[in-house]
Amino acid sequence: MATSLGYEAVTASTAAELVGRFAEGRQEGQRFDAVVLDLTTRGAGGGLALMRQILELDAGASIILSTGYADVDHAALGSSVIMLKKPYRVAELSQKLALACRRSPAAKDVQST
């Protein structure tokens, strides 16, 4: 969906692959504008644990956390997390990605050069 909105997407099939790609990108100087995760991600202890791993690698990472659960305490997740409630439409994803990109240190790096 993100590519249909004009974004370049890096995908991963597993939690370990995502963390590896994110870490590798950081080592190569690549910043990601947003990381989209599902709350029920398999492996690595689920979406919340995966989110914490990403934030350990980059405390400024912009996380979009997708969930169908209504009882998720957004305030407890921190200010870098943007909630995306399922089911969602392309327009909602577009809005959340735009917000994440505005918050992202990667976007600020590009704007300042």
N, C-alpha and C. Protein backbone atom coordinates (compact mmCIF):
# COMPACT_ATOMS: atom_id res chain seq x y z
N MET A 1 0.80 -1.19 0.00
CA MET A 1 0.00 0.00 0.00
C MET A 1 0.85 1.26 0.00
N ALA A 2 1.93 1.26 0.76
CA ALA A 2 2.77 2.46 0.87
C ALA A 2 3.38 2.83 -0.48
N THR A 3 3.75 1.84 -1.27
CA THR A 3 4.35 2.14 -2.57
C THR A 3 3.33 2.78 -3.51
N SER A 4 2.06 2.40 -3.37
CA SER A 4 1.03 3.03 -4.21
C SER A 4 0.82 4.49 -3.83
N LEU A 5 1.29 4.88 -2.66
CA LEU A 5 1.20 6.28 -2.22
C LEU A 5 2.46 7.07 -2.55
N GLY A 6 3.42 6.41 -3.20
CA GLY A 6 4.64 7.09 -3.61
C GLY A 6 5.82 6.92 -2.66
N TYR A 7 5.66 6.10 -1.64
CA TYR A 7 6.75 5.85 -0.70
C TYR A 7 7.60 4.68 -1.15
N GLU A 8 8.85 4.70 -0.80
CA GLU A 8 9.73 3.54 -1.01
C GLU A 8 9.60 2.67 0.23
N ALA A 9 9.28 1.42 0.03
CA ALA A 9 9.08 0.51 1.16
C ALA A 9 10.17 -0.53 1.23
N VAL A 10 10.63 -0.80 2.42
CA VAL A 10 11.53 -1.91 2.71
C VAL A 10 10.71 -2.88 3.53
N THR A 11 10.59 -4.11 3.05
CA THR A 11 9.73 -5.07 3.74
C THR A 11 10.56 -6.15 4.41
N ALA A 12 9.93 -6.82 5.37
CA ALA A 12 10.56 -7.93 6.08
C ALA A 12 9.49 -8.97 6.38
N SER A 13 9.89 -10.22 6.30
CA SER A 13 8.95 -11.32 6.55
C SER A 13 8.89 -11.73 8.01
N THR A 14 9.94 -11.43 8.76
CA THR A 14 9.99 -11.81 10.17
C THR A 14 10.46 -10.62 11.00
N ALA A 15 10.23 -10.72 12.29
CA ALA A 15 10.69 -9.68 13.21
C ALA A 15 12.21 -9.56 13.17
N ALA A 16 12.89 -10.70 13.17
CA ALA A 16 14.36 -10.69 13.14
C ALA A 16 14.88 -10.02 11.86
N GLU A 17 14.22 -10.30 10.74
CA GLU A 17 14.63 -9.69 9.48
C GLU A 17 14.43 -8.18 9.52
N LEU A 18 13.32 -7.74 10.11
CA LEU A 18 13.06 -6.30 10.22
C LEU A 18 14.13 -5.61 11.04
N VAL A 19 14.44 -6.16 12.21
CA VAL A 19 15.46 -5.56 13.07
C VAL A 19 16.81 -5.55 12.35
N GLY A 20 17.13 -6.64 11.67
CA GLY A 20 18.38 -6.72 10.92
C GLY A 20 18.46 -5.67 9.82
N ARG A 21 17.40 -5.51 9.05
CA ARG A 21 17.39 -4.52 7.97
C ARG A 21 17.48 -3.10 8.53
N PHE A 22 16.76 -2.87 9.63
CA PHE A 22 16.79 -1.54 10.25
C PHE A 22 18.19 -1.23 10.76
N ALA A 23 18.81 -2.18 11.45
CA ALA A 23 20.16 -1.99 11.99
C ALA A 23 21.17 -1.81 10.87
N GLU A 24 21.06 -2.62 9.83
CA GLU A 24 21.97 -2.51 8.69
C GLU A 24 21.83 -1.15 8.01
N GLY A 25 20.62 -0.71 7.83
CA GLY A 25 20.39 0.60 7.25
C GLY A 25 21.01 1.71 8.07
N ARG A 26 20.84 1.63 9.38
CA ARG A 26 21.43 2.64 10.28
C ARG A 26 22.95 2.64 10.15
N GLN A 27 23.58 1.46 10.08
CA GLN A 27 25.03 1.37 9.96
C GLN A 27 25.51 1.99 8.65
N GLU A 28 24.68 1.89 7.61
CA GLU A 28 25.05 2.44 6.30
C GLU A 28 24.63 3.90 6.15
N GLY A 29 24.11 4.49 7.22
CA GLY A 29 23.72 5.89 7.18
C GLY A 29 22.33 6.14 6.63
N GLN A 30 21.57 5.08 6.43
CA GLN A 30 20.21 5.20 5.92
C GLN A 30 19.26 5.41 7.08
N ARG A 31 18.39 6.39 6.96
CA ARG A 31 17.36 6.62 7.98
C ARG A 31 16.01 6.26 7.40
N PHE A 32 15.16 5.71 8.20
CA PHE A 32 13.82 5.37 7.78
C PHE A 32 12.85 6.42 8.31
N ASP A 33 11.98 6.91 7.44
CA ASP A 33 11.00 7.92 7.85
C ASP A 33 9.95 7.33 8.79
N ALA A 34 9.62 6.07 8.59
CA ALA A 34 8.60 5.42 9.42
C ALA A 34 8.83 3.92 9.42
N VAL A 35 8.42 3.30 10.52
CA VAL A 35 8.41 1.84 10.62
C VAL A 35 6.97 1.46 10.95
N VAL A 36 6.36 0.67 10.07
CA VAL A 36 4.98 0.25 10.27
C VAL A 36 4.99 -1.17 10.83
N LEU A 37 4.39 -1.32 11.99
CA LEU A 37 4.34 -2.62 12.69
C LEU A 37 2.91 -2.98 13.02
N ASP A 38 2.65 -4.26 13.11
CA ASP A 38 1.37 -4.74 13.60
C ASP A 38 1.55 -5.14 15.06
N LEU A 39 0.59 -4.83 15.87
CA LEU A 39 0.67 -5.16 17.29
C LEU A 39 0.85 -6.66 17.50
N THR A 40 0.29 -7.46 16.64
CA THR A 40 0.35 -8.92 16.81
C THR A 40 1.46 -9.56 15.97
N THR A 41 2.52 -8.83 15.71
CA THR A 41 3.65 -9.37 14.96
C THR A 41 4.17 -10.63 15.65
N ARG A 42 4.40 -11.66 14.85
CA ARG A 42 4.91 -12.92 15.41
C ARG A 42 6.42 -12.83 15.61
N GLY A 43 6.88 -13.49 16.62
CA GLY A 43 8.31 -13.52 16.91
C GLY A 43 8.74 -12.29 17.67
N ALA A 44 9.89 -12.37 18.26
CA ALA A 44 10.49 -11.26 19.02
C ALA A 44 9.58 -10.73 20.11
N GLY A 45 8.64 -11.54 20.60
CA GLY A 45 7.78 -11.10 21.70
C GLY A 45 6.60 -10.26 21.28
N GLY A 46 6.31 -10.17 19.99
CA GLY A 46 5.16 -9.40 19.50
C GLY A 46 5.55 -8.00 19.07
N GLY A 47 4.55 -7.27 18.63
CA GLY A 47 4.75 -5.93 18.08
C GLY A 47 5.33 -4.93 19.07
N LEU A 48 4.91 -5.01 20.33
CA LEU A 48 5.44 -4.06 21.33
C LEU A 48 6.92 -4.30 21.59
N ALA A 49 7.31 -5.57 21.70
CA ALA A 49 8.72 -5.88 21.92
C ALA A 49 9.54 -5.48 20.69
N LEU A 50 9.00 -5.70 19.52
CA LEU A 50 9.69 -5.30 18.29
C LEU A 50 9.84 -3.78 18.22
N MET A 51 8.80 -3.07 18.61
CA MET A 51 8.86 -1.61 18.67
C MET A 51 9.98 -1.16 19.60
N ARG A 52 10.09 -1.79 20.75
CA ARG A 52 11.15 -1.43 21.71
C ARG A 52 12.54 -1.69 21.12
N GLN A 53 12.70 -2.79 20.37
CA GLN A 53 13.98 -3.08 19.74
C GLN A 53 14.35 -2.00 18.73
N ILE A 54 13.39 -1.58 17.94
CA ILE A 54 13.64 -0.52 16.96
C ILE A 54 14.01 0.77 17.67
N LEU A 55 13.30 1.11 18.73
CA LEU A 55 13.58 2.34 19.46
C LEU A 55 14.92 2.28 20.19
N GLU A 56 15.39 1.08 20.56
CA GLU A 56 16.74 0.95 21.14
C GLU A 56 17.80 1.27 20.10
N LEU A 57 17.54 0.90 18.85
CA LEU A 57 18.49 1.20 17.77
C LEU A 57 18.43 2.67 17.36
N ASP A 58 17.24 3.27 17.44
CA ASP A 58 17.05 4.66 17.05
C ASP A 58 15.91 5.24 17.88
N ALA A 59 16.26 5.94 18.94
CA ALA A 59 15.25 6.49 19.84
C ALA A 59 14.32 7.48 19.15
N GLY A 60 14.74 8.01 18.03
CA GLY A 60 13.91 8.98 17.30
C GLY A 60 13.07 8.36 16.21
N ALA A 61 13.08 7.03 16.10
CA ALA A 61 12.32 6.37 15.04
C ALA A 61 10.83 6.67 15.18
N SER A 62 10.18 6.89 14.05
CA SER A 62 8.74 7.12 14.01
C SER A 62 8.06 5.77 13.75
N ILE A 63 7.29 5.32 14.71
CA ILE A 63 6.64 4.01 14.64
C ILE A 63 5.15 4.19 14.38
N ILE A 64 4.63 3.50 13.36
CA ILE A 64 3.19 3.41 13.14
C ILE A 64 2.79 2.02 13.59
N LEU A 65 1.97 1.95 14.63
CA LEU A 65 1.55 0.67 15.20
C LEU A 65 0.11 0.40 14.79
N SER A 66 -0.06 -0.63 14.00
CA SER A 66 -1.38 -1.00 13.48
C SER A 66 -2.00 -2.06 14.37
N THR A 67 -3.27 -1.87 14.73
CA THR A 67 -3.95 -2.83 15.58
C THR A 67 -5.45 -2.76 15.40
N GLY A 68 -6.08 -3.90 15.60
CA GLY A 68 -7.53 -3.96 15.61
C GLY A 68 -8.08 -3.95 17.02
N TYR A 69 -7.20 -3.93 18.00
CA TYR A 69 -7.63 -3.93 19.40
C TYR A 69 -7.95 -2.51 19.85
N ALA A 70 -9.13 -2.34 20.43
CA ALA A 70 -9.58 -1.02 20.84
C ALA A 70 -9.00 -0.60 22.19
N ASP A 71 -8.49 -1.55 22.97
CA ASP A 71 -8.08 -1.25 24.34
C ASP A 71 -6.59 -0.96 24.49
N VAL A 72 -5.90 -0.64 23.42
CA VAL A 72 -4.47 -0.32 23.51
C VAL A 72 -4.32 1.07 24.10
N ASP A 73 -3.50 1.18 25.15
CA ASP A 73 -3.26 2.46 25.82
C ASP A 73 -2.18 3.23 25.06
N HIS A 74 -2.61 4.12 24.18
CA HIS A 74 -1.69 4.88 23.33
C HIS A 74 -0.72 5.72 24.17
N ALA A 75 -1.21 6.33 25.23
CA ALA A 75 -0.36 7.19 26.07
C ALA A 75 0.80 6.41 26.68
N ALA A 76 0.58 5.14 27.00
CA ALA A 76 1.62 4.31 27.60
C ALA A 76 2.70 3.92 26.60
N LEU A 77 2.42 4.06 25.31
CA LEU A 77 3.38 3.64 24.28
C LEU A 77 4.45 4.68 24.00
N GLY A 78 4.19 5.92 24.31
CA GLY A 78 5.18 6.97 24.07
C GLY A 78 4.80 7.86 22.90
N SER A 79 5.44 8.99 22.84
CA SER A 79 5.09 10.00 21.84
C SER A 79 5.56 9.68 20.44
N SER A 80 6.48 8.74 20.29
CA SER A 80 6.96 8.42 18.95
C SER A 80 6.06 7.43 18.22
N VAL A 81 5.03 6.94 18.91
CA VAL A 81 4.15 5.93 18.33
C VAL A 81 2.88 6.59 17.78
N ILE A 82 2.57 6.25 16.54
CA ILE A 82 1.35 6.72 15.89
C ILE A 82 0.46 5.50 15.72
N MET A 83 -0.75 5.57 16.25
CA MET A 83 -1.67 4.44 16.17
C MET A 83 -2.44 4.47 14.85
N LEU A 84 -2.61 3.29 14.26
CA LEU A 84 -3.37 3.13 13.03
C LEU A 84 -4.36 1.98 13.29
N LYS A 85 -5.60 2.33 13.51
CA LYS A 85 -6.63 1.34 13.86
C LYS A 85 -7.08 0.57 12.63
N LYS A 86 -7.18 -0.76 12.80
CA LYS A 86 -7.69 -1.62 11.74
C LYS A 86 -9.20 -1.78 11.90
N PRO A 87 -9.90 -2.00 10.85
CA PRO A 87 -9.43 -1.94 9.46
C PRO A 87 -9.25 -0.48 9.05
N TYR A 88 -8.29 -0.23 8.20
CA TYR A 88 -8.05 1.13 7.74
C TYR A 88 -8.08 1.20 6.23
N ARG A 89 -8.28 2.41 5.75
CA ARG A 89 -8.33 2.67 4.31
C ARG A 89 -7.00 3.29 3.88
N VAL A 90 -6.76 3.31 2.59
CA VAL A 90 -5.53 3.88 2.05
C VAL A 90 -5.37 5.33 2.51
N ALA A 91 -6.46 6.08 2.54
CA ALA A 91 -6.39 7.49 2.95
C ALA A 91 -5.90 7.63 4.39
N GLU A 92 -6.32 6.71 5.26
CA GLU A 92 -5.87 6.75 6.65
C GLU A 92 -4.40 6.42 6.76
N LEU A 93 -3.95 5.42 6.00
CA LEU A 93 -2.53 5.08 5.98
C LEU A 93 -1.72 6.26 5.46
N SER A 94 -2.21 6.89 4.41
CA SER A 94 -1.53 8.05 3.83
C SER A 94 -1.36 9.16 4.87
N GLN A 95 -2.41 9.42 5.62
CA GLN A 95 -2.36 10.46 6.66
C GLN A 95 -1.33 10.11 7.74
N LYS A 96 -1.32 8.87 8.19
CA LYS A 96 -0.39 8.45 9.24
C LYS A 96 1.06 8.45 8.73
N LEU A 97 1.28 8.03 7.48
CA LEU A 97 2.63 8.07 6.92
C LEU A 97 3.12 9.51 6.80
N ALA A 98 2.26 10.41 6.37
CA ALA A 98 2.64 11.82 6.25
C ALA A 98 3.02 12.38 7.63
N LEU A 99 2.24 12.04 8.63
CA LEU A 99 2.55 12.49 10.00
C LEU A 99 3.89 11.92 10.46
N ALA A 100 4.12 10.65 10.23
CA ALA A 100 5.38 10.01 10.62
C ALA A 100 6.55 10.66 9.92
N CYS A 101 6.40 10.97 8.65
CA CYS A 101 7.49 11.59 7.90
C CYS A 101 7.80 12.99 8.40
N ARG A 102 6.78 13.72 8.81
CA ARG A 102 7.01 15.06 9.37
C ARG A 102 7.77 14.98 10.70
N ARG A 103 7.53 13.92 11.48
CA ARG A 103 8.19 13.74 12.77
C ARG A 103 9.59 13.16 12.65
N SER A 104 9.87 12.51 11.55
CA SER A 104 11.08 11.72 11.39
C SER A 104 12.35 12.55 11.33
N PRO A 105 13.39 12.17 12.10
CA PRO A 105 14.69 12.82 11.95
C PRO A 105 15.24 12.65 10.54
N ALA A 106 14.88 11.57 9.87
CA ALA A 106 15.36 11.34 8.50
C ALA A 106 14.83 12.43 7.59
N ALA A 107 13.57 12.79 7.73
CA ALA A 107 12.98 13.84 6.91
C ALA A 107 13.63 15.18 7.22
N LYS A 108 13.95 15.42 8.48
CA LYS A 108 14.60 16.67 8.87
C LYS A 108 16.00 16.73 8.28
N ASP A 109 16.70 15.58 8.24
CA ASP A 109 18.05 15.54 7.63
C ASP A 109 17.98 15.93 6.17
N VAL A 110 16.98 15.43 5.45
CA VAL A 110 16.84 15.73 4.02
C VAL A 110 16.50 17.19 3.81
N GLN A 111 15.62 17.74 4.64
CA GLN A 111 15.21 19.13 4.51
C GLN A 111 16.35 20.08 4.80
N SER A 112 17.27 19.70 5.66
CA SER A 112 18.34 20.62 6.06
C SER A 112 19.52 20.60 5.10
N THR A 113 19.55 19.67 4.13
CA THR A 113 20.68 19.62 3.22
C THR A 113 20.43 20.41 1.96
